[in-house]
């Protein structure tokens, strides 16, 4: 079951509640002296991508080191000069 974080609008208390997907959201603060309305707090997931192979690590910060394959694809091809048109008399 997921854990949801709530924050009270009145006293500012933050608390977590383990709820199922079908459970009704919490409406009132868990502080017995407050009993204010609460709202769910959304935060980024606690996941970190480490190591090579992730866009953030390889390209996101501009520290991409080109490999042999990258360099081979980036080399410009020699442009051919246009052949002169032959004149037939």
C-alpha atoms as a PDB file:
ATOM      1  CA  UNK A   1       0.000   0.000   0.000  1.00  0.00           C
ATOM      2  CA  UNK A   2       1.290   3.490  -0.791  1.00  0.00           C
ATOM      3  CA  UNK A   3       2.179   6.050   1.843  1.00  0.00           C
ATOM      4  CA  UNK A   4       0.713   9.528   1.370  1.00  0.00           C
ATOM      5  CA  UNK A   5       1.950  12.714   3.004  1.00  0.00           C
ATOM      6  CA  UNK A   6      -0.526  15.290   4.282  1.00  0.00           C
ATOM      7  CA  UNK A   7      -0.101  18.841   5.595  1.00  0.00           C
ATOM      8  CA  UNK A   8      -2.486  20.731   7.830  1.00  0.00           C
ATOM      9  CA  UNK A   9      -3.575  24.152   6.564  1.00  0.00           C
ATOM     10  CA  UNK A  10      -4.107  25.431  10.103  1.00  0.00           C
ATOM     11  CA  UNK A  11      -1.117  24.259  12.203  1.00  0.00           C
ATOM     12  CA  UNK A  12       1.303  23.169   9.447  1.00  0.00           C
ATOM     13  CA  UNK A  13       1.738  19.641  10.817  1.00  0.00           C
ATOM     14  CA  UNK A  14       3.018  17.142   8.231  1.00  0.00           C
ATOM     15  CA  UNK A  15       2.206  13.471   8.653  1.00  0.00           C
ATOM     16  CA  UNK A  16       2.163  10.295   6.612  1.00  0.00           C
ATOM     17  CA  UNK A  17      -0.681   7.817   6.250  1.00  0.00           C
ATOM     18  CA  UNK A  18      -0.519   4.365   4.667  1.00  0.00           C
ATOM     19  CA  UNK A  19      -3.636   4.037   2.519  1.00  0.00           C
ATOM     20  CA  UNK A  20      -4.970   1.761  -0.170  1.00  0.00           C
ATOM     21  CA  UNK A  21      -5.876   3.158  -3.569  1.00  0.00           C
ATOM     22  CA  UNK A  22      -9.591   2.863  -2.819  1.00  0.00           C
ATOM     23  CA  UNK A  23      -9.428   4.449   0.660  1.00  0.00           C
ATOM     24  CA  UNK A  24     -10.897   7.911   1.154  1.00  0.00           C
ATOM     25  CA  UNK A  25      -8.293  10.668   1.651  1.00  0.00           C
ATOM     26  CA  UNK A  26      -7.741  12.083   5.142  1.00  0.00           C
ATOM     27  CA  UNK A  27      -9.698  15.303   5.701  1.00  0.00           C
ATOM     28  CA  UNK A  28      -8.738  16.481   9.210  1.00  0.00           C
ATOM     29  CA  UNK A  29      -5.461  17.012  11.062  1.00  0.00           C
ATOM     30  CA  UNK A  30      -4.230  14.248  13.350  1.00  0.00           C
ATOM     31  CA  UNK A  31      -3.330  16.810  16.031  1.00  0.00           C
ATOM     32  CA  UNK A  32      -6.220  16.606  18.531  1.00  0.00           C
ATOM     33  CA  UNK A  33      -5.832  20.288  19.494  1.00  0.00           C
ATOM     34  CA  UNK A  34      -6.010  21.522  15.889  1.00  0.00           C
ATOM     35  CA  UNK A  35      -8.528  19.481  13.854  1.00  0.00           C
ATOM     36  CA  UNK A  36      -7.841  21.689  10.789  1.00  0.00           C
ATOM     37  CA  UNK A  37      -8.289  20.666   7.161  1.00  0.00           C
ATOM     38  CA  UNK A  38      -5.427  18.851   5.465  1.00  0.00           C
ATOM     39  CA  UNK A  39      -4.303  18.482   1.871  1.00  0.00           C
ATOM     40  CA  UNK A  40      -2.107  15.866   0.233  1.00  0.00           C
ATOM     41  CA  UNK A  41       1.488  16.905  -0.413  1.00  0.00           C
ATOM     42  CA  UNK A  42       3.083  15.787  -3.662  1.00  0.00           C
ATOM     43  CA  UNK A  43       6.843  15.361  -3.813  1.00  0.00           C
ATOM     44  CA  UNK A  44       9.241  13.898  -6.373  1.00  0.00           C
ATOM     45  CA  UNK A  45       9.878  10.168  -6.130  1.00  0.00           C
ATOM     46  CA  UNK A  46      12.928   9.023  -4.208  1.00  0.00           C
ATOM     47  CA  UNK A  47      14.697   7.437  -7.155  1.00  0.00           C
ATOM     48  CA  UNK A  48      18.191   8.261  -8.337  1.00  0.00           C
ATOM     49  CA  UNK A  49      19.654   7.170 -11.656  1.00  0.00           C
ATOM     50  CA  UNK A  50      23.365   6.461 -11.202  1.00  0.00           C
ATOM     51  CA  UNK A  51      25.926   5.112 -13.601  1.00  0.00           C
ATOM     52  CA  UNK A  52      26.247   5.269 -17.334  1.00  0.00           C
ATOM     53  CA  UNK A  53      23.391   4.589 -19.675  1.00  0.00           C
ATOM     54  CA  UNK A  54      21.032   7.273 -18.420  1.00  0.00           C
ATOM     55  CA  UNK A  55      20.404  10.487 -20.343  1.00  0.00           C
ATOM     56  CA  UNK A  56      20.816  12.631 -17.224  1.00  0.00           C
ATOM     57  CA  UNK A  57      24.234  11.181 -16.459  1.00  0.00           C
ATOM     58  CA  UNK A  58      25.624  10.967 -19.986  1.00  0.00           C
ATOM     59  CA  UNK A  59      24.195  14.012 -21.766  1.00  0.00           C
ATOM     60  CA  UNK A  60      22.278  16.183 -19.316  1.00  0.00           C
ATOM     61  CA  UNK A  61      25.234  18.034 -17.812  1.00  0.00           C
ATOM     62  CA  UNK A  62      27.316  18.453 -20.955  1.00  0.00           C
ATOM     63  CA  UNK A  63      30.005  16.022 -19.895  1.00  0.00           C
ATOM     64  CA  UNK A  64      29.393  13.528 -22.679  1.00  0.00           C
ATOM     65  CA  UNK A  65      32.588  11.874 -23.869  1.00  0.00           C
ATOM     66  CA  UNK A  66      32.181  10.828 -27.496  1.00  0.00           C
ATOM     67  CA  UNK A  67      32.999   7.234 -28.254  1.00  0.00           C
ATOM     68  CA  UNK A  68      34.477   5.892 -31.470  1.00  0.00           C
ATOM     69  CA  UNK A  69      30.998   5.262 -32.868  1.00  0.00           C
ATOM     70  CA  UNK A  70      29.841   8.807 -32.080  1.00  0.00           C
ATOM     71  CA  UNK A  71      32.946  10.314 -33.679  1.00  0.00           C
ATOM     72  CA  UNK A  72      32.580   8.206 -36.804  1.00  0.00           C
ATOM     73  CA  UNK A  73      29.006   9.383 -37.305  1.00  0.00           C
ATOM     74  CA  UNK A  74      29.886  13.053 -36.776  1.00  0.00           C
ATOM     75  CA  UNK A  75      32.746  13.281 -39.275  1.00  0.00           C
ATOM     76  CA  UNK A  76      31.651  15.195 -42.358  1.00  0.00           C
ATOM     77  CA  UNK A  77      31.756  13.445 -45.693  1.00  0.00           C
ATOM     78  CA  UNK A  78      33.802  14.925 -48.453  1.00  0.00           C
ATOM     79  CA  UNK A  79      31.682  16.967 -50.785  1.00  0.00           C
ATOM     80  CA  UNK A  80      32.048  16.057 -54.433  1.00  0.00           C
ATOM     81  CA  UNK A  81      32.561  18.860 -56.870  1.00  0.00           C
ATOM     82  CA  UNK A  82      29.847  19.023 -59.512  1.00  0.00           C
ATOM     83  CA  UNK A  83      30.901  17.486 -62.790  1.00  0.00           C
ATOM     84  CA  UNK A  84      31.033  19.943 -65.681  1.00  0.00           C
ATOM     85  CA  UNK A  85      28.243  19.544 -68.181  1.00  0.00           C
ATOM     86  CA  UNK A  86      29.494  18.142 -71.455  1.00  0.00           C
ATOM     87  CA  UNK A  87      28.553  20.081 -74.526  1.00  0.00           C
ATOM     88  CA  UNK A  88      27.597  18.165 -77.629  1.00  0.00           C
ATOM     89  CA  UNK A  89      27.901  19.987 -80.881  1.00  0.00           C
END
